[in-house]
Amino acid sequence: MGNICRSPMAEIVVRRVLADHGLEELVTVDSAGTGGWHAGEPMDERAAAVLSRSGYDGAAHRARRFESGWFGRADLVLAMDQENLRALRRMAPSGTDIRLFRSFDASAPDGAEVPDPYYGGADGFVKVLQMVETAAEGLAKHLEQAVR
């Protein structure tokens, strides 16, 4: 939503996973929120701390709002939850491939979301990171088939 918790965590993790799969030169990864109230702000401190403890660096991230013109340069757009999925679909041109991020986690039930940890404690960010890492592996496998 605000691009300071889930989506920047996912962006950073997906970049690493794609590099591990040798796809970093073939796939562009970016994140943005459907709301603009945090535009220009760094990642939530709790998200950055959880990432850092796991060997990721989120220091350069600055929040921004998704713009409808970006659909033209994206083959796949991922949403963290149903609310963001609906918002993106309202903005998207017909035929745009928009999916839930956890749809790439084979162990997650259909429609599974990455919950927003913003109003909770640090443990919520740890759980989000675990969900993101699992889904990122599934996404990388999907993208390997799509780009090779």
N, C-alpha and C. Protein backbone atom coordinates (compact mmCIF):
# COMPACT_ATOMS: atom_id res chain seq x y z
N MET A 1 0.83 -1.20 0.00
CA MET A 1 0.00 0.00 0.00
C MET A 1 0.87 1.26 0.00
N GLY A 2 1.68 1.42 1.04
CA GLY A 2 2.50 2.62 1.14
C GLY A 2 3.92 2.44 0.66
N ASN A 3 4.30 1.21 0.30
CA ASN A 3 5.62 0.90 -0.25
C ASN A 3 6.74 1.11 0.76
N ILE A 4 6.45 0.77 2.03
CA ILE A 4 7.51 0.86 3.03
C ILE A 4 7.74 -0.44 3.79
N CYS A 5 6.90 -1.45 3.57
CA CYS A 5 7.05 -2.71 4.31
C CYS A 5 7.17 -3.91 3.38
N ARG A 6 6.03 -4.45 2.99
CA ARG A 6 6.00 -5.72 2.24
C ARG A 6 6.64 -5.63 0.86
N SER A 7 6.19 -4.69 0.06
CA SER A 7 6.67 -4.67 -1.33
C SER A 7 8.16 -4.35 -1.45
N PRO A 8 8.72 -3.43 -0.65
CA PRO A 8 10.17 -3.26 -0.77
C PRO A 8 10.95 -4.46 -0.24
N MET A 9 10.40 -5.13 0.78
CA MET A 9 11.04 -6.36 1.24
C MET A 9 11.06 -7.37 0.09
N ALA A 10 9.92 -7.51 -0.57
CA ALA A 10 9.83 -8.45 -1.69
C ALA A 10 10.77 -8.05 -2.82
N GLU A 11 10.83 -6.78 -3.14
CA GLU A 11 11.72 -6.33 -4.21
C GLU A 11 13.17 -6.75 -3.94
N ILE A 12 13.62 -6.52 -2.74
CA ILE A 12 15.01 -6.82 -2.38
C ILE A 12 15.26 -8.33 -2.38
N VAL A 13 14.34 -9.08 -1.83
CA VAL A 13 14.48 -10.54 -1.80
C VAL A 13 14.43 -11.11 -3.21
N VAL A 14 13.48 -10.67 -4.01
CA VAL A 14 13.35 -11.19 -5.38
C VAL A 14 14.61 -10.88 -6.18
N ARG A 15 15.17 -9.71 -6.02
CA ARG A 15 16.42 -9.38 -6.73
C ARG A 15 17.51 -10.41 -6.39
N ARG A 16 17.64 -10.71 -5.11
CA ARG A 16 18.67 -11.68 -4.67
C ARG A 16 18.38 -13.06 -5.24
N VAL A 17 17.14 -13.50 -5.14
CA VAL A 17 16.78 -14.84 -5.62
C VAL A 17 16.99 -14.93 -7.14
N LEU A 18 16.62 -13.89 -7.86
CA LEU A 18 16.83 -13.90 -9.31
C LEU A 18 18.32 -13.96 -9.64
N ALA A 19 19.14 -13.25 -8.88
CA ALA A 19 20.59 -13.32 -9.08
C ALA A 19 21.09 -14.73 -8.82
N ASP A 20 20.58 -15.35 -7.77
CA ASP A 20 20.97 -16.73 -7.46
C ASP A 20 20.61 -17.69 -8.59
N HIS A 21 19.55 -17.37 -9.32
CA HIS A 21 19.09 -18.21 -10.45
C HIS A 21 19.68 -17.75 -11.79
N GLY A 22 20.55 -16.74 -11.75
CA GLY A 22 21.16 -16.24 -12.98
C GLY A 22 20.23 -15.44 -13.86
N LEU A 23 19.20 -14.84 -13.27
CA LEU A 23 18.21 -14.09 -14.04
C LEU A 23 18.30 -12.58 -13.87
N GLU A 24 19.26 -12.10 -13.12
CA GLU A 24 19.31 -10.67 -12.81
C GLU A 24 19.44 -9.77 -14.03
N GLU A 25 20.02 -10.28 -15.10
CA GLU A 25 20.16 -9.49 -16.33
C GLU A 25 18.94 -9.60 -17.24
N LEU A 26 18.05 -10.53 -16.94
CA LEU A 26 16.91 -10.80 -17.82
C LEU A 26 15.58 -10.26 -17.28
N VAL A 27 15.53 -9.97 -15.99
CA VAL A 27 14.29 -9.56 -15.34
C VAL A 27 14.51 -8.26 -14.57
N THR A 28 13.61 -7.32 -14.74
CA THR A 28 13.65 -6.07 -13.98
C THR A 28 12.65 -6.18 -12.84
N VAL A 29 13.08 -5.82 -11.65
CA VAL A 29 12.24 -5.89 -10.45
C VAL A 29 12.13 -4.50 -9.87
N ASP A 30 10.92 -4.14 -9.48
CA ASP A 30 10.67 -2.82 -8.92
C ASP A 30 9.52 -2.92 -7.94
N SER A 31 9.36 -1.95 -7.08
CA SER A 31 8.20 -1.95 -6.19
C SER A 31 7.64 -0.54 -6.07
N ALA A 32 6.36 -0.50 -5.78
CA ALA A 32 5.64 0.76 -5.55
C ALA A 32 4.37 0.42 -4.81
N GLY A 33 3.78 1.40 -4.17
CA GLY A 33 2.54 1.21 -3.45
C GLY A 33 1.35 1.75 -4.23
N THR A 34 0.17 1.34 -3.85
CA THR A 34 -1.03 1.88 -4.49
C THR A 34 -1.45 3.19 -3.83
N GLY A 35 -0.89 3.49 -2.67
CA GLY A 35 -1.13 4.76 -1.99
C GLY A 35 0.16 5.56 -1.97
N GLY A 36 0.04 6.87 -1.94
CA GLY A 36 1.23 7.70 -2.01
C GLY A 36 1.62 8.41 -0.73
N TRP A 37 1.01 8.06 0.39
CA TRP A 37 1.23 8.82 1.62
C TRP A 37 2.63 8.69 2.19
N HIS A 38 3.43 7.70 1.77
CA HIS A 38 4.81 7.56 2.26
C HIS A 38 5.84 7.90 1.17
N ALA A 39 5.39 8.44 0.05
CA ALA A 39 6.30 8.71 -1.07
C ALA A 39 7.54 9.47 -0.60
N GLY A 40 8.70 8.97 -1.01
CA GLY A 40 9.98 9.58 -0.68
C GLY A 40 10.58 9.11 0.63
N GLU A 41 9.81 8.39 1.43
CA GLU A 41 10.30 7.93 2.73
C GLU A 41 11.09 6.63 2.58
N PRO A 42 12.02 6.39 3.51
CA PRO A 42 12.73 5.11 3.48
C PRO A 42 11.82 3.98 3.95
N MET A 43 12.31 2.78 3.82
CA MET A 43 11.60 1.60 4.27
C MET A 43 11.36 1.68 5.79
N ASP A 44 10.27 1.10 6.23
CA ASP A 44 9.99 1.01 7.66
C ASP A 44 11.22 0.42 8.37
N GLU A 45 11.59 1.01 9.49
CA GLU A 45 12.79 0.58 10.22
C GLU A 45 12.74 -0.90 10.60
N ARG A 46 11.56 -1.39 10.94
CA ARG A 46 11.44 -2.79 11.33
C ARG A 46 11.66 -3.71 10.13
N ALA A 47 11.17 -3.31 8.96
CA ALA A 47 11.39 -4.08 7.74
C ALA A 47 12.88 -4.10 7.40
N ALA A 48 13.51 -2.95 7.46
CA ALA A 48 14.93 -2.85 7.16
C ALA A 48 15.76 -3.69 8.13
N ALA A 49 15.38 -3.70 9.41
CA ALA A 49 16.12 -4.45 10.42
C ALA A 49 16.01 -5.96 10.16
N VAL A 50 14.81 -6.43 9.85
CA VAL A 50 14.61 -7.85 9.57
C VAL A 50 15.40 -8.25 8.33
N LEU A 51 15.35 -7.42 7.32
CA LEU A 51 16.14 -7.71 6.11
C LEU A 51 17.63 -7.75 6.43
N SER A 52 18.11 -6.77 7.17
CA SER A 52 19.53 -6.68 7.50
C SER A 52 20.00 -7.90 8.28
N ARG A 53 19.20 -8.35 9.23
CA ARG A 53 19.57 -9.54 10.02
C ARG A 53 19.66 -10.79 9.14
N SER A 54 18.99 -10.76 8.00
CA SER A 54 19.02 -11.91 7.07
C SER A 54 19.97 -11.69 5.90
N GLY A 55 20.77 -10.64 5.97
CA GLY A 55 21.80 -10.41 4.96
C GLY A 55 21.37 -9.60 3.75
N TYR A 56 20.23 -8.93 3.83
CA TYR A 56 19.75 -8.08 2.74
C TYR A 56 19.98 -6.61 3.10
N ASP A 57 20.06 -5.77 2.09
CA ASP A 57 20.26 -4.34 2.32
C ASP A 57 19.11 -3.54 1.71
N GLY A 58 18.32 -2.92 2.55
CA GLY A 58 17.20 -2.11 2.08
C GLY A 58 17.40 -0.63 2.26
N ALA A 59 18.63 -0.21 2.55
CA ALA A 59 18.90 1.19 2.89
C ALA A 59 18.58 2.17 1.76
N ALA A 60 18.72 1.76 0.52
CA ALA A 60 18.53 2.69 -0.60
C ALA A 60 17.07 2.89 -0.97
N HIS A 61 16.18 2.07 -0.46
CA HIS A 61 14.77 2.15 -0.87
C HIS A 61 14.13 3.48 -0.48
N ARG A 62 13.33 4.00 -1.41
CA ARG A 62 12.47 5.16 -1.13
C ARG A 62 11.10 4.84 -1.69
N ALA A 63 10.09 5.05 -0.88
CA ALA A 63 8.72 4.71 -1.26
C ALA A 63 8.23 5.58 -2.41
N ARG A 64 7.37 4.99 -3.20
CA ARG A 64 6.72 5.72 -4.29
C ARG A 64 5.39 5.08 -4.60
N ARG A 65 4.60 5.81 -5.34
CA ARG A 65 3.26 5.34 -5.70
C ARG A 65 3.27 4.80 -7.12
N PHE A 66 2.56 3.69 -7.32
CA PHE A 66 2.47 3.07 -8.64
C PHE A 66 1.69 4.01 -9.57
N GLU A 67 2.19 4.16 -10.78
CA GLU A 67 1.53 5.00 -11.78
C GLU A 67 1.00 4.11 -12.91
N SER A 68 -0.19 4.41 -13.37
CA SER A 68 -0.82 3.56 -14.38
C SER A 68 0.02 3.44 -15.66
N GLY A 69 0.82 4.42 -15.99
CA GLY A 69 1.67 4.36 -17.17
C GLY A 69 2.72 3.27 -17.11
N TRP A 70 2.99 2.76 -15.93
CA TRP A 70 4.01 1.71 -15.77
C TRP A 70 3.54 0.36 -16.27
N PHE A 71 2.23 0.17 -16.42
CA PHE A 71 1.75 -1.12 -16.91
C PHE A 71 2.36 -1.46 -18.27
N GLY A 72 2.60 -0.46 -19.09
CA GLY A 72 3.14 -0.68 -20.43
C GLY A 72 4.53 -1.28 -20.44
N ARG A 73 5.25 -1.15 -19.36
CA ARG A 73 6.60 -1.70 -19.32
C ARG A 73 6.72 -2.93 -18.43
N ALA A 74 5.60 -3.43 -17.94
CA ALA A 74 5.61 -4.60 -17.06
C ALA A 74 4.91 -5.79 -17.71
N ASP A 75 5.55 -6.92 -17.67
CA ASP A 75 4.93 -8.15 -18.15
C ASP A 75 4.10 -8.81 -17.05
N LEU A 76 4.46 -8.54 -15.81
CA LEU A 76 3.80 -9.14 -14.66
C LEU A 76 3.80 -8.12 -13.52
N VAL A 77 2.66 -7.92 -12.91
CA VAL A 77 2.53 -7.02 -11.76
C VAL A 77 1.99 -7.86 -10.61
N LEU A 78 2.64 -7.73 -9.46
CA LEU A 78 2.27 -8.53 -8.29
C LEU A 78 1.74 -7.65 -7.18
N ALA A 79 0.72 -8.14 -6.51
CA ALA A 79 0.11 -7.44 -5.38
C ALA A 79 0.29 -8.28 -4.13
N MET A 80 0.40 -7.62 -3.00
CA MET A 80 0.59 -8.32 -1.74
C MET A 80 -0.71 -8.82 -1.13
N ASP A 81 -1.81 -8.15 -1.44
CA ASP A 81 -3.09 -8.56 -0.86
C ASP A 81 -4.23 -8.24 -1.82
N GLN A 82 -5.41 -8.69 -1.46
CA GLN A 82 -6.58 -8.51 -2.32
C GLN A 82 -6.92 -7.03 -2.54
N GLU A 83 -6.77 -6.22 -1.52
CA GLU A 83 -7.09 -4.80 -1.67
C GLU A 83 -6.21 -4.15 -2.72
N ASN A 84 -4.92 -4.42 -2.67
CA ASN A 84 -4.01 -3.87 -3.67
C ASN A 84 -4.23 -4.49 -5.04
N LEU A 85 -4.59 -5.77 -5.06
CA LEU A 85 -4.90 -6.44 -6.32
C LEU A 85 -6.08 -5.74 -7.01
N ARG A 86 -7.13 -5.46 -6.24
CA ARG A 86 -8.29 -4.76 -6.81
C ARG A 86 -7.92 -3.36 -7.31
N ALA A 87 -7.12 -2.65 -6.53
CA ALA A 87 -6.71 -1.30 -6.93
C ALA A 87 -5.91 -1.33 -8.23
N LEU A 88 -5.00 -2.28 -8.34
CA LEU A 88 -4.20 -2.40 -9.56
C LEU A 88 -5.06 -2.79 -10.76
N ARG A 89 -5.99 -3.70 -10.55
CA ARG A 89 -6.87 -4.12 -11.65
C ARG A 89 -7.76 -2.98 -12.13
N ARG A 90 -8.18 -2.10 -11.23
CA ARG A 90 -8.98 -0.94 -11.64
C ARG A 90 -8.17 0.00 -12.53
N MET A 91 -6.87 0.08 -12.31
CA MET A 91 -6.01 0.99 -13.07
C MET A 91 -5.50 0.38 -14.37
N ALA A 92 -5.47 -0.95 -14.44
CA ALA A 92 -4.76 -1.65 -15.51
C ALA A 92 -5.53 -1.70 -16.82
N PRO A 93 -4.79 -1.67 -17.92
CA PRO A 93 -5.42 -1.93 -19.22
C PRO A 93 -5.87 -3.39 -19.28
N SER A 94 -6.83 -3.67 -20.10
CA SER A 94 -7.34 -5.03 -20.27
C SER A 94 -6.21 -5.97 -20.67
N GLY A 95 -6.21 -7.15 -20.10
CA GLY A 95 -5.22 -8.16 -20.45
C GLY A 95 -3.93 -8.11 -19.66
N THR A 96 -3.81 -7.18 -18.73
CA THR A 96 -2.59 -7.06 -17.92
C THR A 96 -2.51 -8.24 -16.95
N ASP A 97 -1.34 -8.82 -16.84
CA ASP A 97 -1.12 -9.96 -15.95
C ASP A 97 -0.82 -9.42 -14.55
N ILE A 98 -1.82 -9.49 -13.67
CA ILE A 98 -1.69 -9.03 -12.28
C ILE A 98 -2.06 -10.20 -11.39
N ARG A 99 -1.18 -10.53 -10.46
CA ARG A 99 -1.40 -11.68 -9.58
C ARG A 99 -1.01 -11.34 -8.15
N LEU A 100 -1.47 -12.18 -7.25
CA LEU A 100 -1.01 -12.08 -5.87
C LEU A 100 0.40 -12.65 -5.77
N PHE A 101 1.24 -12.01 -5.02
CA PHE A 101 2.63 -12.43 -4.86
C PHE A 101 2.72 -13.88 -4.36
N ARG A 102 1.88 -14.23 -3.39
CA ARG A 102 1.95 -15.58 -2.82
C ARG A 102 1.38 -16.65 -3.74
N SER A 103 0.85 -16.26 -4.88
CA SER A 103 0.39 -17.28 -5.83
C SER A 103 1.56 -18.10 -6.35
N PHE A 104 2.78 -17.64 -6.12
CA PHE A 104 3.98 -18.37 -6.54
C PHE A 104 4.52 -19.27 -5.43
N ASP A 105 3.84 -19.31 -4.31
CA ASP A 105 4.19 -20.19 -3.20
C ASP A 105 3.30 -21.42 -3.29
N ALA A 106 3.88 -22.54 -3.71
CA ALA A 106 3.10 -23.76 -3.93
C ALA A 106 2.44 -24.27 -2.66
N SER A 107 2.96 -23.89 -1.49
CA SER A 107 2.39 -24.36 -0.23
C SER A 107 1.28 -23.46 0.29
N ALA A 108 1.09 -22.31 -0.33
CA ALA A 108 0.07 -21.35 0.13
C ALA A 108 -1.28 -21.69 -0.50
N PRO A 109 -2.36 -21.50 0.24
CA PRO A 109 -3.69 -21.74 -0.36
C PRO A 109 -4.00 -20.68 -1.42
N ASP A 110 -4.92 -21.00 -2.31
CA ASP A 110 -5.36 -20.02 -3.32
C ASP A 110 -5.82 -18.75 -2.63
N GLY A 111 -5.42 -17.62 -3.16
CA GLY A 111 -5.83 -16.34 -2.61
C GLY A 111 -5.03 -15.89 -1.40
N ALA A 112 -3.96 -16.62 -1.06
CA ALA A 112 -3.15 -16.26 0.10
C ALA A 112 -2.50 -14.89 -0.10
N GLU A 113 -2.50 -14.12 0.96
CA GLU A 113 -1.94 -12.77 0.94
C GLU A 113 -0.66 -12.71 1.78
N VAL A 114 0.11 -11.68 1.54
CA VAL A 114 1.20 -11.32 2.44
C VAL A 114 0.58 -10.27 3.37
N PRO A 115 0.41 -10.60 4.65
CA PRO A 115 -0.26 -9.66 5.55
C PRO A 115 0.58 -8.41 5.81
N ASP A 116 -0.09 -7.31 6.04
CA ASP A 116 0.59 -6.05 6.32
C ASP A 116 1.07 -6.06 7.77
N PRO A 117 2.39 -6.01 8.00
CA PRO A 117 2.91 -6.06 9.36
C PRO A 117 2.99 -4.70 10.05
N TYR A 118 2.61 -3.65 9.37
CA TYR A 118 2.84 -2.27 9.83
C TYR A 118 2.32 -2.01 11.24
N TYR A 119 1.14 -2.46 11.56
CA TYR A 119 0.55 -2.13 12.86
C TYR A 119 0.88 -3.15 13.95
N GLY A 120 1.72 -4.12 13.66
CA GLY A 120 2.08 -5.13 14.64
C GLY A 120 3.52 -4.97 15.09
N GLY A 121 4.02 -6.02 15.70
CA GLY A 121 5.38 -6.02 16.21
C GLY A 121 6.38 -6.57 15.22
N ALA A 122 7.62 -6.68 15.67
CA ALA A 122 8.72 -7.13 14.82
C ALA A 122 8.50 -8.55 14.30
N ASP A 123 7.79 -9.39 15.07
CA ASP A 123 7.57 -10.76 14.63
C ASP A 123 6.77 -10.84 13.33
N GLY A 124 5.90 -9.86 13.10
CA GLY A 124 5.14 -9.82 11.84
C GLY A 124 6.04 -9.61 10.65
N PHE A 125 7.10 -8.84 10.82
CA PHE A 125 8.04 -8.61 9.73
C PHE A 125 8.87 -9.87 9.44
N VAL A 126 9.17 -10.61 10.49
CA VAL A 126 9.88 -11.88 10.32
C VAL A 126 9.01 -12.85 9.51
N LYS A 127 7.74 -12.94 9.86
CA LYS A 127 6.82 -13.82 9.13
C LYS A 127 6.67 -13.38 7.68
N VAL A 128 6.59 -12.08 7.44
CA VAL A 128 6.49 -11.56 6.07
C VAL A 128 7.74 -11.95 5.28
N LEU A 129 8.91 -11.80 5.89
CA LEU A 129 10.14 -12.16 5.18
C LEU A 129 10.12 -13.64 4.81
N GLN A 130 9.67 -14.49 5.70
CA GLN A 130 9.61 -15.93 5.39
C GLN A 130 8.67 -16.19 4.22
N MET A 131 7.50 -15.55 4.23
CA MET A 131 6.54 -15.71 3.13
C MET A 131 7.13 -15.22 1.82
N VAL A 132 7.78 -14.08 1.88
CA VAL A 132 8.36 -13.47 0.68
C VAL A 132 9.47 -14.35 0.12
N GLU A 133 10.32 -14.88 0.98
CA GLU A 133 11.41 -15.73 0.49
C GLU A 133 10.87 -16.99 -0.19
N THR A 134 9.85 -17.58 0.39
CA THR A 134 9.26 -18.78 -0.20
C THR A 134 8.63 -18.47 -1.56
N ALA A 135 7.83 -17.42 -1.61
CA ALA A 135 7.18 -17.05 -2.87
C ALA A 135 8.20 -16.61 -3.92
N ALA A 136 9.27 -15.96 -3.49
CA ALA A 136 10.30 -15.50 -4.43
C ALA A 136 10.95 -16.67 -5.15
N GLU A 137 11.15 -17.77 -4.45
CA GLU A 137 11.72 -18.96 -5.10
C GLU A 137 10.77 -19.49 -6.18
N GLY A 138 9.49 -19.54 -5.86
CA GLY A 138 8.50 -19.98 -6.85
C GLY A 138 8.42 -19.03 -8.02
N LEU A 139 8.50 -17.74 -7.75
CA LEU A 139 8.49 -16.73 -8.81
C LEU A 139 9.70 -16.91 -9.72
N ALA A 140 10.86 -17.15 -9.14
CA ALA A 140 12.08 -17.34 -9.94
C ALA A 140 11.94 -18.54 -10.87
N LYS A 141 11.36 -19.61 -10.37
CA LYS A 141 11.16 -20.80 -11.21
C LYS A 141 10.20 -20.49 -12.35
N HIS A 142 9.15 -19.74 -12.05
CA HIS A 142 8.20 -19.33 -13.09
C HIS A 142 8.91 -18.46 -14.13
N LEU A 143 9.69 -17.51 -13.68
CA LEU A 143 10.36 -16.60 -14.61
C LEU A 143 11.45 -17.30 -15.42
N GLU A 144 12.09 -18.30 -14.85
CA GLU A 144 13.07 -19.08 -15.60
C GLU A 144 12.42 -19.68 -16.84
N GLN A 145 11.25 -20.23 -16.66
CA GLN A 145 10.52 -20.82 -17.80
C GLN A 145 10.06 -19.76 -18.79
N ALA A 146 9.69 -18.59 -18.28
CA ALA A 146 9.14 -17.54 -19.13
C ALA A 146 10.22 -16.85 -19.98
N VAL A 147 11.43 -16.70 -19.46
CA VAL A 147 12.44 -15.92 -20.17
C VAL A 147 13.49 -16.77 -20.89
N ARG A 148 13.49 -18.05 -20.64
CA ARG A 148 14.53 -18.88 -21.28
C ARG A 148 13.95 -19.74 -22.36
